[in-house]
């Protein structure tokens, strides 16, 4: 599939490398939101063998935010549709059928921060900068996404001040990031991606659905939900193969992904 603003490439391990590419700073506009939604809602249309996605940005920055020209032309009349497009892109990343690893360098501001926080987890160059400048440009949004990777007092400090925090400082203040040297960013993201790609493709996709469901559940309801799929997965050959391989200290030999193993809506 051809995209104008997202470069996609799938390697032999089933890792889909998705690179945002809209110079100079990967500012996101309507067409790019549409492409993000398509890539992450339907990765199997790109390649049915996708097991994990690494999302990064071309050039100097991961993503400096929403295209400011679109903010300037937004009104109460056209804003509803525009904000719906934004949400669909963020939620497509969060609800992607496979795990998504964000690889952040340069800046991740506003929309860029929300895109990163929509990923399952984030690898960041230690000098990368995160920020929520929404109040400084007259808009709202991003705080709820930041709360996926940072404690509430830190979310509020970043929201009300608009201050940028380096990844190392964000992590030290309680942010959930894997921080590395800038020159190691993509290699570190690939290392994690390869670990995921070696797992049962059926179990990983099922696990992604489970994690999305239990994120907002209380611990009793969430754990009961997880346990029900321990029972269900016990009937899949990959379950016994994982245990046998662990006991025998060998690499597991998983079967092809079973498309029927999805959580009923």
C-alpha atoms as a PDB file:
ATOM      1  CA  UNK A   1       0.000   0.000   0.000  1.00  0.00           C
ATOM      2  CA  UNK A   2       1.249   3.479  -0.859  1.00  0.00           C
ATOM      3  CA  UNK A   3       1.060   6.342   1.622  1.00  0.00           C
ATOM      4  CA  UNK A   4       2.235   9.892   1.130  1.00  0.00           C
ATOM      5  CA  UNK A   5       3.147  10.762   4.715  1.00  0.00           C
ATOM      6  CA  UNK A   6       3.860   7.378   6.330  1.00  0.00           C
ATOM      7  CA  UNK A   7       6.679   5.189   5.061  1.00  0.00           C
ATOM      8  CA  UNK A   8       5.978   1.499   5.694  1.00  0.00           C
ATOM      9  CA  UNK A   9       8.239  -1.514   5.365  1.00  0.00           C
ATOM     10  CA  UNK A  10       7.887  -5.042   6.770  1.00  0.00           C
ATOM     11  CA  UNK A  11      10.992  -7.138   7.419  1.00  0.00           C
ATOM     12  CA  UNK A  12      11.411 -10.908   7.433  1.00  0.00           C
ATOM     13  CA  UNK A  13      10.659 -11.112  11.176  1.00  0.00           C
ATOM     14  CA  UNK A  14       7.228  -9.537  10.695  1.00  0.00           C
ATOM     15  CA  UNK A  15       8.240  -6.144  12.096  1.00  0.00           C
ATOM     16  CA  UNK A  16       6.394  -3.291  10.417  1.00  0.00           C
ATOM     17  CA  UNK A  17       8.510  -0.141  10.473  1.00  0.00           C
ATOM     18  CA  UNK A  18       6.219   2.872  10.120  1.00  0.00           C
ATOM     19  CA  UNK A  19       7.974   6.222   9.722  1.00  0.00           C
ATOM     20  CA  UNK A  20       6.129   9.545   9.835  1.00  0.00           C
ATOM     21  CA  UNK A  21       7.557  11.692   7.043  1.00  0.00           C
ATOM     22  CA  UNK A  22       6.141  15.181   6.602  1.00  0.00           C
ATOM     23  CA  UNK A  23       9.015  17.690   6.646  1.00  0.00           C
ATOM     24  CA  UNK A  24      10.208  19.723   8.310  1.00  0.00           C
ATOM     25  CA  UNK A  25       8.950  18.499  11.718  1.00  0.00           C
ATOM     26  CA  UNK A  26       6.310  15.858  10.921  1.00  0.00           C
ATOM     27  CA  UNK A  27       3.456  18.187  11.819  1.00  0.00           C
ATOM     28  CA  UNK A  28       0.218  16.251  11.424  1.00  0.00           C
ATOM     29  CA  UNK A  29      -2.630  17.494   9.243  1.00  0.00           C
ATOM     30  CA  UNK A  30      -5.911  15.934   8.125  1.00  0.00           C
ATOM     31  CA  UNK A  31      -4.456  13.736   5.373  1.00  0.00           C
ATOM     32  CA  UNK A  32      -1.709  12.449   7.654  1.00  0.00           C
ATOM     33  CA  UNK A  33      -4.257  11.609  10.383  1.00  0.00           C
ATOM     34  CA  UNK A  34      -6.165   9.581   7.792  1.00  0.00           C
ATOM     35  CA  UNK A  35      -3.016   7.673   6.856  1.00  0.00           C
ATOM     36  CA  UNK A  36      -2.143   6.979  10.497  1.00  0.00           C
ATOM     37  CA  UNK A  37      -5.629   5.600  11.074  1.00  0.00           C
ATOM     38  CA  UNK A  38      -5.376   3.356   8.014  1.00  0.00           C
ATOM     39  CA  UNK A  39      -1.908   1.996   8.810  1.00  0.00           C
ATOM     40  CA  UNK A  40      -2.668   1.124  12.424  1.00  0.00           C
ATOM     41  CA  UNK A  41      -6.280   0.000  12.122  1.00  0.00           C
ATOM     42  CA  UNK A  42      -5.436  -2.331   9.241  1.00  0.00           C
ATOM     43  CA  UNK A  43      -1.764  -3.441   9.362  1.00  0.00           C
ATOM     44  CA  UNK A  44      -2.731  -6.759   7.743  1.00  0.00           C
ATOM     45  CA  UNK A  45      -3.629  -4.881   4.565  1.00  0.00           C
ATOM     46  CA  UNK A  46       0.050  -3.960   4.364  1.00  0.00           C
ATOM     47  CA  UNK A  47       1.241  -7.480   5.172  1.00  0.00           C
ATOM     48  CA  UNK A  48      -0.727 -10.311   6.807  1.00  0.00           C
ATOM     49  CA  UNK A  49       2.439 -11.449   8.570  1.00  0.00           C
ATOM     50  CA  UNK A  50       2.853  -8.326  10.719  1.00  0.00           C
ATOM     51  CA  UNK A  51       3.678  -9.203  14.334  1.00  0.00           C
ATOM     52  CA  UNK A  52       4.721  -5.865  15.818  1.00  0.00           C
ATOM     53  CA  UNK A  53       5.049  -2.222  14.704  1.00  0.00           C
ATOM     54  CA  UNK A  54       7.860   0.247  15.369  1.00  0.00           C
ATOM     55  CA  UNK A  55       6.673   3.845  14.907  1.00  0.00           C
ATOM     56  CA  UNK A  56       9.274   6.570  14.419  1.00  0.00           C
ATOM     57  CA  UNK A  57       9.730   9.925  12.715  1.00  0.00           C
ATOM     58  CA  UNK A  58      11.924  10.903   9.784  1.00  0.00           C
ATOM     59  CA  UNK A  59      14.280  13.827  10.062  1.00  0.00           C
ATOM     60  CA  UNK A  60      15.167  15.782  13.186  1.00  0.00           C
ATOM     61  CA  UNK A  61      11.986  15.171  15.195  1.00  0.00           C
ATOM     62  CA  UNK A  62       9.487  12.441  16.004  1.00  0.00           C
ATOM     63  CA  UNK A  63       6.521  14.821  15.701  1.00  0.00           C
ATOM     64  CA  UNK A  64       6.278  18.501  16.650  1.00  0.00           C
ATOM     65  CA  UNK A  65       2.470  18.414  16.889  1.00  0.00           C
ATOM     66  CA  UNK A  66      -0.610  19.293  14.909  1.00  0.00           C
ATOM     67  CA  UNK A  67      -0.333  21.473  11.815  1.00  0.00           C
ATOM     68  CA  UNK A  68      -0.873  24.970  13.248  1.00  0.00           C
ATOM     69  CA  UNK A  69      -2.523  26.215  10.046  1.00  0.00           C
ATOM     70  CA  UNK A  70      -5.380  23.815  10.714  1.00  0.00           C
ATOM     71  CA  UNK A  71      -5.776  25.134  14.238  1.00  0.00           C
ATOM     72  CA  UNK A  72      -5.894  28.677  12.847  1.00  0.00           C
ATOM     73  CA  UNK A  73      -8.762  27.797  10.510  1.00  0.00           C
ATOM     74  CA  UNK A  74     -10.737  25.706  13.012  1.00  0.00           C
ATOM     75  CA  UNK A  75     -14.186  26.870  14.087  1.00  0.00           C
ATOM     76  CA  UNK A  76     -16.969  25.334  16.209  1.00  0.00           C
ATOM     77  CA  UNK A  77     -18.604  24.369  12.890  1.00  0.00           C
ATOM     78  CA  UNK A  78     -15.710  22.461  11.317  1.00  0.00           C
ATOM     79  CA  UNK A  79     -13.939  21.449  14.525  1.00  0.00           C
ATOM     80  CA  UNK A  80     -16.101  18.445  15.374  1.00  0.00           C
ATOM     81  CA  UNK A  81     -15.179  16.544  12.219  1.00  0.00           C
ATOM     82  CA  UNK A  82     -11.525  17.519  12.505  1.00  0.00           C
ATOM     83  CA  UNK A  83     -11.245  16.372  16.110  1.00  0.00           C
ATOM     84  CA  UNK A  84     -12.949  13.095  15.196  1.00  0.00           C
ATOM     85  CA  UNK A  85     -10.203  12.453  12.625  1.00  0.00           C
ATOM     86  CA  UNK A  86      -7.575  13.140  15.282  1.00  0.00           C
ATOM     87  CA  UNK A  87      -9.184  10.736  17.745  1.00  0.00           C
ATOM     88  CA  UNK A  88      -9.517   8.006  15.129  1.00  0.00           C
ATOM     89  CA  UNK A  89      -5.776   8.182  14.445  1.00  0.00           C
ATOM     90  CA  UNK A  90      -4.799   8.033  18.130  1.00  0.00           C
ATOM     91  CA  UNK A  91      -7.210   5.213  18.909  1.00  0.00           C
ATOM     92  CA  UNK A  92      -6.087   3.249  15.837  1.00  0.00           C
ATOM     93  CA  UNK A  93      -2.572   3.209  17.290  1.00  0.00           C
ATOM     94  CA  UNK A  94      -3.778   2.243  20.757  1.00  0.00           C
ATOM     95  CA  UNK A  95      -6.123  -0.439  19.395  1.00  0.00           C
ATOM     96  CA  UNK A  96      -3.793  -1.736  16.680  1.00  0.00           C
ATOM     97  CA  UNK A  97      -4.127  -5.543  16.467  1.00  0.00           C
ATOM     98  CA  UNK A  98      -0.420  -5.943  17.256  1.00  0.00           C
ATOM     99  CA  UNK A  99       1.872  -4.221  19.777  1.00  0.00           C
ATOM    100  CA  UNK A 100       3.202  -0.788  18.775  1.00  0.00           C
ATOM    101  CA  UNK A 101       6.565   0.498  19.996  1.00  0.00           C
ATOM    102  CA  UNK A 102       7.152   4.237  19.781  1.00  0.00           C
ATOM    103  CA  UNK A 103      10.741   5.297  19.014  1.00  0.00           C
ATOM    104  CA  UNK A 104      11.030   8.993  19.910  1.00  0.00           C
ATOM    105  CA  UNK A 105      13.820  11.406  19.068  1.00  0.00           C
ATOM    106  CA  UNK A 106      13.861  15.195  18.817  1.00  0.00           C
ATOM    107  CA  UNK A 107      10.509  16.474  20.068  1.00  0.00           C
ATOM    108  CA  UNK A 108       7.137  14.852  20.739  1.00  0.00           C
ATOM    109  CA  UNK A 109       4.828  17.793  21.402  1.00  0.00           C
ATOM    110  CA  UNK A 110       1.045  17.945  21.663  1.00  0.00           C
ATOM    111  CA  UNK A 111      -0.197  15.583  18.988  1.00  0.00           C
ATOM    112  CA  UNK A 112       3.292  14.074  18.859  1.00  0.00           C
ATOM    113  CA  UNK A 113       3.150  13.288  22.562  1.00  0.00           C
ATOM    114  CA  UNK A 114      -0.351  11.800  22.182  1.00  0.00           C
ATOM    115  CA  UNK A 115       0.840   9.626  19.298  1.00  0.00           C
ATOM    116  CA  UNK A 116       3.759   8.361  21.388  1.00  0.00           C
ATOM    117  CA  UNK A 117       1.534   7.739  24.420  1.00  0.00           C
ATOM    118  CA  UNK A 118      -0.929   5.819  22.236  1.00  0.00           C
ATOM    119  CA  UNK A 119       1.787   3.221  21.630  1.00  0.00           C
ATOM    120  CA  UNK A 120       2.062   0.185  23.885  1.00  0.00           C
ATOM    121  CA  UNK A 121       5.356   1.498  25.202  1.00  0.00           C
ATOM    122  CA  UNK A 122       7.940   4.113  24.269  1.00  0.00           C
ATOM    123  CA  UNK A 123      11.683   4.003  23.670  1.00  0.00           C
ATOM    124  CA  UNK A 124      13.133   7.512  23.774  1.00  0.00           C
ATOM    125  CA  UNK A 125      16.513   9.082  23.159  1.00  0.00           C
ATOM    126  CA  UNK A 126      17.544  10.579  26.485  1.00  0.00           C
ATOM    127  CA  UNK A 127      17.657  14.086  24.989  1.00  0.00           C
ATOM    128  CA  UNK A 128      14.246  13.785  23.282  1.00  0.00           C
ATOM    129  CA  UNK A 129      11.760  16.362  24.562  1.00  0.00           C
ATOM    130  CA  UNK A 130       8.116  15.828  25.473  1.00  0.00           C
ATOM    131  CA  UNK A 131       5.591  18.589  26.013  1.00  0.00           C
ATOM    132  CA  UNK A 132       1.943  19.679  26.008  1.00  0.00           C
ATOM    133  CA  UNK A 133       1.914  23.232  24.594  1.00  0.00           C
ATOM    134  CA  UNK A 134      -1.863  23.167  24.078  1.00  0.00           C
ATOM    135  CA  UNK A 135      -2.676  26.177  26.263  1.00  0.00           C
ATOM    136  CA  UNK A 136       0.040  28.207  24.581  1.00  0.00           C
ATOM    137  CA  UNK A 137      -1.650  27.776  21.170  1.00  0.00           C
ATOM    138  CA  UNK A 138      -5.247  28.064  22.332  1.00  0.00           C
ATOM    139  CA  UNK A 139      -6.416  24.432  22.245  1.00  0.00           C
ATOM    140  CA  UNK A 140      -7.053  21.527  24.600  1.00  0.00           C
ATOM    141  CA  UNK A 141      -6.060  17.857  24.518  1.00  0.00           C
ATOM    142  CA  UNK A 142      -3.191  15.472  25.144  1.00  0.00           C
ATOM    143  CA  UNK A 143      -3.403  15.329  28.931  1.00  0.00           C
ATOM    144  CA  UNK A 144      -5.407  12.113  29.001  1.00  0.00           C
ATOM    145  CA  UNK A 145      -2.903  10.434  26.700  1.00  0.00           C
ATOM    146  CA  UNK A 146       0.052  11.659  28.758  1.00  0.00           C
ATOM    147  CA  UNK A 147      -1.617  10.060  31.791  1.00  0.00           C
ATOM    148  CA  UNK A 148      -0.985   6.663  30.168  1.00  0.00           C
ATOM    149  CA  UNK A 149       2.760   7.142  30.703  1.00  0.00           C
ATOM    150  CA  UNK A 150       3.055   9.696  33.532  1.00  0.00           C
ATOM    151  CA  UNK A 151       1.551  10.252  37.004  1.00  0.00           C
ATOM    152  CA  UNK A 152      -1.222  12.812  37.346  1.00  0.00           C
ATOM    153  CA  UNK A 153       0.748  15.579  39.140  1.00  0.00           C
ATOM    154  CA  UNK A 154       3.357  15.451  36.378  1.00  0.00           C
ATOM    155  CA  UNK A 155       0.625  15.549  33.718  1.00  0.00           C
ATOM    156  CA  UNK A 156      -0.837  18.665  35.307  1.00  0.00           C
ATOM    157  CA  UNK A 157       2.526  20.386  35.659  1.00  0.00           C
ATOM    158  CA  UNK A 158       3.328  19.785  31.994  1.00  0.00           C
ATOM    159  CA  UNK A 159      -0.167  20.821  30.884  1.00  0.00           C
ATOM    160  CA  UNK A 160      -0.395  24.046  32.871  1.00  0.00           C
ATOM    161  CA  UNK A 161       3.168  25.207  32.209  1.00  0.00           C
ATOM    162  CA  UNK A 162       3.675  23.952  28.667  1.00  0.00           C
ATOM    163  CA  UNK A 163       7.240  23.121  29.712  1.00  0.00           C
ATOM    164  CA  UNK A 164       9.172  20.588  27.688  1.00  0.00           C
ATOM    165  CA  UNK A 165      10.835  17.751  29.599  1.00  0.00           C
ATOM    166  CA  UNK A 166      13.766  15.759  28.332  1.00  0.00           C
ATOM    167  CA  UNK A 167      13.082  12.034  28.224  1.00  0.00           C
ATOM    168  CA  UNK A 168      15.641  11.397  30.953  1.00  0.00           C
ATOM    169  CA  UNK A 169      13.949  13.944  33.224  1.00  0.00           C
ATOM    170  CA  UNK A 170      10.474  12.677  32.382  1.00  0.00           C
ATOM    171  CA  UNK A 171      11.517   9.153  33.304  1.00  0.00           C
ATOM    172  CA  UNK A 172      13.184  10.350  36.515  1.00  0.00           C
ATOM    173  CA  UNK A 173       9.942  12.130  37.486  1.00  0.00           C
ATOM    174  CA  UNK A 174       7.919   8.940  37.072  1.00  0.00           C
ATOM    175  CA  UNK A 175       7.299   8.750  33.331  1.00  0.00           C
ATOM    176  CA  UNK A 176       7.174   5.254  31.854  1.00  0.00           C
ATOM    177  CA  UNK A 177       9.850   5.392  29.179  1.00  0.00           C
ATOM    178  CA  UNK A 178      12.771   3.225  28.130  1.00  0.00           C
ATOM    179  CA  UNK A 179      15.548   5.799  27.801  1.00  0.00           C
ATOM    180  CA  UNK A 180      18.657   5.202  25.716  1.00  0.00           C
ATOM    181  CA  UNK A 181      21.492   7.026  24.002  1.00  0.00           C
ATOM    182  CA  UNK A 182      20.311   8.837  20.851  1.00  0.00           C
ATOM    183  CA  UNK A 183      22.476   6.764  18.523  1.00  0.00           C
ATOM    184  CA  UNK A 184      20.990   3.551  19.989  1.00  0.00           C
ATOM    185  CA  UNK A 185      17.311   4.526  19.607  1.00  0.00           C
ATOM    186  CA  UNK A 186      16.286   2.505  16.570  1.00  0.00           C
ATOM    187  CA  UNK A 187      18.472  -0.455  17.508  1.00  0.00           C
ATOM    188  CA  UNK A 188      16.874  -0.546  20.958  1.00  0.00           C
ATOM    189  CA  UNK A 189      13.370  -0.352  19.469  1.00  0.00           C
ATOM    190  CA  UNK A 190      14.252  -3.179  17.087  1.00  0.00           C
ATOM    191  CA  UNK A 191      15.616  -5.264  19.944  1.00  0.00           C
ATOM    192  CA  UNK A 192      12.294  -5.093  21.752  1.00  0.00           C
ATOM    193  CA  UNK A 193      10.379  -5.666  18.518  1.00  0.00           C
ATOM    194  CA  UNK A 194      12.336  -8.845  17.769  1.00  0.00           C
ATOM    195  CA  UNK A 195      11.610 -10.152  21.268  1.00  0.00           C
ATOM    196  CA  UNK A 196       7.891  -9.695  20.651  1.00  0.00           C
ATOM    197  CA  UNK A 197       8.085 -11.125  17.120  1.00  0.00           C
ATOM    198  CA  UNK A 198       9.499 -14.389  18.499  1.00  0.00           C
ATOM    199  CA  UNK A 199       6.398 -15.028  20.615  1.00  0.00           C
ATOM    200  CA  UNK A 200       3.255 -16.843  19.511  1.00  0.00           C
ATOM    201  CA  UNK A 201       1.567 -14.537  16.971  1.00  0.00           C
ATOM    202  CA  UNK A 202      -1.839 -15.742  18.136  1.00  0.00           C
ATOM    203  CA  UNK A 203      -1.083 -15.183  21.822  1.00  0.00           C
ATOM    204  CA  UNK A 204       0.396 -11.732  21.200  1.00  0.00           C
ATOM    205  CA  UNK A 205      -2.662 -10.524  19.292  1.00  0.00           C
ATOM    206  CA  UNK A 206      -4.992 -11.983  21.882  1.00  0.00           C
ATOM    207  CA  UNK A 207      -2.893 -10.417  24.642  1.00  0.00           C
ATOM    208  CA  UNK A 208      -3.076  -7.006  22.952  1.00  0.00           C
ATOM    209  CA  UNK A 209      -6.871  -7.177  22.974  1.00  0.00           C
ATOM    210  CA  UNK A 210      -6.910  -8.275  26.612  1.00  0.00           C
ATOM    211  CA  UNK A 211      -4.611  -5.451  27.746  1.00  0.00           C
ATOM    212  CA  UNK A 212      -6.764  -2.871  25.983  1.00  0.00           C
ATOM    213  CA  UNK A 213      -9.885  -4.238  27.682  1.00  0.00           C
ATOM    214  CA  UNK A 214      -8.484  -4.376  31.215  1.00  0.00           C
ATOM    215  CA  UNK A 215      -6.707  -0.990  31.187  1.00  0.00           C
ATOM    216  CA  UNK A 216      -9.732   0.764  32.687  1.00  0.00           C
ATOM    217  CA  UNK A 217     -11.089  -2.174  34.744  1.00  0.00           C
ATOM    218  CA  UNK A 218     -10.749  -2.597  38.506  1.00  0.00           C
ATOM    219  CA  UNK A 219      -8.289  -5.289  39.565  1.00  0.00           C
ATOM    220  CA  UNK A 220     -10.909  -7.949  40.360  1.00  0.00           C
ATOM    221  CA  UNK A 221     -12.791  -7.577  37.072  1.00  0.00           C
ATOM    222  CA  UNK A 222      -9.577  -7.242  35.080  1.00  0.00           C
ATOM    223  CA  UNK A 223      -7.915 -10.309  36.530  1.00  0.00           C
ATOM    224  CA  UNK A 224     -11.053 -12.431  36.134  1.00  0.00           C
ATOM    225  CA  UNK A 225     -11.149 -11.346  32.485  1.00  0.00           C
ATOM    226  CA  UNK A 226      -7.488 -12.313  31.990  1.00  0.00           C
ATOM    227  CA  UNK A 227      -7.971 -15.657  33.707  1.00  0.00           C
ATOM    228  CA  UNK A 228     -10.825 -16.577  31.386  1.00  0.00           C
ATOM    229  CA  UNK A 229      -8.412 -16.373  28.466  1.00  0.00           C
ATOM    230  CA  UNK A 230      -5.817 -18.475  30.279  1.00  0.00           C
ATOM    231  CA  UNK A 231      -8.455 -21.188  30.212  1.00  0.00           C
ATOM    232  CA  UNK A 232      -9.378 -20.513  26.590  1.00  0.00           C
ATOM    233  CA  UNK A 233      -5.766 -20.333  25.372  1.00  0.00           C
ATOM    234  CA  UNK A 234      -5.024 -23.682  27.005  1.00  0.00           C
ATOM    235  CA  UNK A 235      -6.837 -25.225  24.040  1.00  0.00           C
ATOM    236  CA  UNK A 236      -4.444 -23.679  21.524  1.00  0.00           C
ATOM    237  CA  UNK A 237      -1.295 -25.655  20.524  1.00  0.00           C
ATOM    238  CA  UNK A 238       0.955 -22.632  21.117  1.00  0.00           C
ATOM    239  CA  UNK A 239       0.101 -22.712  24.814  1.00  0.00           C
ATOM    240  CA  UNK A 240       1.504 -26.202  25.336  1.00  0.00           C
ATOM    241  CA  UNK A 241       4.393 -25.517  22.951  1.00  0.00           C
ATOM    242  CA  UNK A 242       5.462 -22.472  24.987  1.00  0.00           C
ATOM    243  CA  UNK A 243       5.516 -24.536  28.170  1.00  0.00           C
ATOM    244  CA  UNK A 244       7.340 -27.455  26.546  1.00  0.00           C
ATOM    245  CA  UNK A 245       9.982 -25.174  25.028  1.00  0.00           C
ATOM    246  CA  UNK A 246      10.535 -23.453  28.388  1.00  0.00           C
ATOM    247  CA  UNK A 247      10.975 -26.769  30.176  1.00  0.00           C
ATOM    248  CA  UNK A 248      13.244 -28.194  27.473  1.00  0.00           C
ATOM    249  CA  UNK A 249      15.292 -24.979  27.222  1.00  0.00           C
ATOM    250  CA  UNK A 250      14.805 -24.673  23.456  1.00  0.00           C
ATOM    251  CA  UNK A 251      13.296 -22.191  21.030  1.00  0.00           C
ATOM    252  CA  UNK A 252       9.533 -22.660  20.621  1.00  0.00           C
ATOM    253  CA  UNK A 253       7.988 -23.658  17.303  1.00  0.00           C
ATOM    254  CA  UNK A 254       4.704 -21.830  17.037  1.00  0.00           C
ATOM    255  CA  UNK A 255       1.986 -22.448  14.447  1.00  0.00           C
ATOM    256  CA  UNK A 256       0.754 -19.828  11.999  1.00  0.00           C
ATOM    257  CA  UNK A 257      -1.511 -17.169  13.469  1.00  0.00           C
ATOM    258  CA  UNK A 258      -5.046 -18.336  14.122  1.00  0.00           C
ATOM    259  CA  UNK A 259      -7.345 -15.536  12.934  1.00  0.00           C
ATOM    260  CA  UNK A 260     -10.335 -16.922  14.831  1.00  0.00           C
ATOM    261  CA  UNK A 261      -8.747 -16.190  18.212  1.00  0.00           C
ATOM    262  CA  UNK A 262     -10.231 -12.768  18.879  1.00  0.00           C
ATOM    263  CA  UNK A 263     -12.278 -11.373  21.728  1.00  0.00           C
ATOM    264  CA  UNK A 264     -15.949 -11.077  20.915  1.00  0.00           C
ATOM    265  CA  UNK A 265     -17.108  -7.464  20.764  1.00  0.00           C
END
